[in-house]
Amino acid sequence: MKAGQAFEHIQGSVNEVAEQVLEVSSAIEQMSAIADICSIEYVVRLAEDTAGGAQRISAASQEQLGSMEEVSESADTLSRVADELETLTGKFKV
């Protein structure tokens, strides 16, 4: 009878360990899901930051383009004035 009781005790212990393994497995799955969510949130934040940076760079590029167009227009005007001056000074003989 003692052997039967020992096996029952072992069986009870095995059942307890099996329950604990299931609990740990469930906790691991929950932590994994939380980690996945955190990873996704991090990637989303990173993507938003990157998109914001790209928008700032685009705005700065457009501003530079506008400035370059103004400089080009000023250079064209200066060139026309120089041509006119050359024409006017060409009429004078030294």
Protein backbone atom coordinates (compact mmCIF):
# COMPACT_ATOMS: atom_id res chain seq x y z
CA MET A 1 0.00 0.00 0.00
CA LYS A 2 2.84 2.32 0.61
CA ALA A 3 3.95 2.01 -3.02
CA GLY A 4 0.43 2.94 -4.18
CA GLN A 5 0.45 5.99 -1.95
CA ALA A 6 3.88 6.99 -3.20
CA PHE A 7 2.72 6.74 -6.81
CA GLU A 8 -0.38 8.81 -5.98
CA HIS A 9 1.84 11.43 -4.35
CA ILE A 10 4.14 11.40 -7.41
CA GLN A 11 1.12 11.68 -9.71
CA GLY A 12 -0.17 14.65 -7.67
CA SER A 13 3.23 16.32 -7.87
CA VAL A 14 3.43 15.72 -11.61
CA ASN A 15 -0.03 17.28 -12.02
CA GLU A 16 1.05 20.32 -9.97
CA VAL A 17 4.20 20.73 -12.08
CA ALA A 18 2.13 20.40 -15.27
CA GLU A 19 -0.22 23.15 -14.03
CA GLN A 20 2.71 25.37 -13.16
CA VAL A 21 4.25 24.77 -16.60
CA LEU A 22 0.95 25.80 -18.21
CA GLU A 23 0.83 28.96 -16.05
CA VAL A 24 4.42 29.85 -16.96
CA SER A 25 3.72 29.16 -20.63
CA SER A 26 0.67 31.41 -20.51
CA ALA A 27 2.68 34.17 -18.79
CA ILE A 28 5.41 33.87 -21.43
CA GLU A 29 2.84 34.17 -24.22
CA GLN A 30 1.40 37.29 -22.57
CA MET A 31 4.86 38.83 -22.19
CA SER A 32 5.66 37.99 -25.80
CA ALA A 33 2.47 39.70 -26.95
CA ILE A 34 3.34 42.77 -24.87
CA ALA A 35 6.88 42.78 -26.29
CA ASP A 36 5.46 42.58 -29.83
CA ILE A 37 3.15 45.52 -29.11
CA CYS A 38 6.04 47.52 -27.66
CA SER A 39 8.18 46.71 -30.69
CA ILE A 40 5.41 47.77 -33.06
CA GLU A 41 4.89 51.01 -31.12
CA TYR A 42 8.64 51.69 -31.28
CA VAL A 43 8.70 51.10 -35.03
CA VAL A 44 5.66 53.36 -35.49
CA ARG A 45 7.31 56.11 -33.41
CA LEU A 46 10.53 55.72 -35.37
CA ALA A 47 8.66 55.89 -38.68
CA GLU A 48 6.79 59.01 -37.56
CA ASP A 49 10.04 60.66 -36.49
CA THR A 50 11.65 59.76 -39.81
CA ALA A 51 8.66 61.09 -41.76
CA GLY A 52 8.80 64.31 -39.75
CA GLY A 53 12.49 64.67 -40.52
CA ALA A 54 11.85 64.08 -44.21
CA GLN A 55 9.14 66.75 -44.20
CA ARG A 56 11.51 69.24 -42.54
CA ILE A 57 14.22 68.45 -45.09
CA SER A 58 11.72 68.87 -47.92
CA ALA A 59 10.59 72.25 -46.56
CA ALA A 60 14.22 73.39 -46.20
CA SER A 61 14.97 72.24 -49.76
CA GLN A 62 12.00 74.16 -51.11
CA GLU A 63 13.14 77.25 -49.22
CA GLN A 64 16.63 76.87 -50.67
CA LEU A 65 15.18 76.45 -54.15
CA GLY A 66 13.24 79.70 -53.70
CA SER A 67 16.40 81.48 -52.57
CA MET A 68 18.36 80.08 -55.51
CA GLU A 69 15.67 81.29 -57.91
CA GLU A 70 15.91 84.77 -56.38
CA VAL A 71 19.71 84.72 -56.74
CA SER A 72 19.35 83.58 -60.35
CA GLU A 73 16.89 86.39 -61.11
CA SER A 74 19.26 88.90 -59.47
CA ALA A 75 22.17 87.56 -61.53
CA ASP A 76 20.11 87.88 -64.72
CA THR A 77 19.19 91.46 -63.82
CA LEU A 78 22.81 92.27 -63.03
CA SER A 79 23.88 90.76 -66.35
CA ARG A 80 21.35 92.89 -68.26
CA VAL A 81 22.49 96.02 -66.40
CA ALA A 82 26.12 95.18 -67.19
CA ASP A 83 25.24 94.72 -70.88
CA GLU A 84 23.45 98.08 -70.91
CA LEU A 85 26.38 99.75 -69.17
CA GLU A 86 28.79 98.24 -71.68
CA THR A 87 26.66 99.54 -74.52
CA LEU A 88 26.48 103.01 -72.97
CA THR A 89 30.19 103.19 -72.18
CA GLY A 90 31.01 101.96 -75.67
CA LYS A 91 29.62 105.19 -77.06
CA PHE A 92 32.33 107.17 -75.31
CA LYS A 93 35.78 107.26 -76.80
CA VAL A 94 38.74 108.01 -74.63
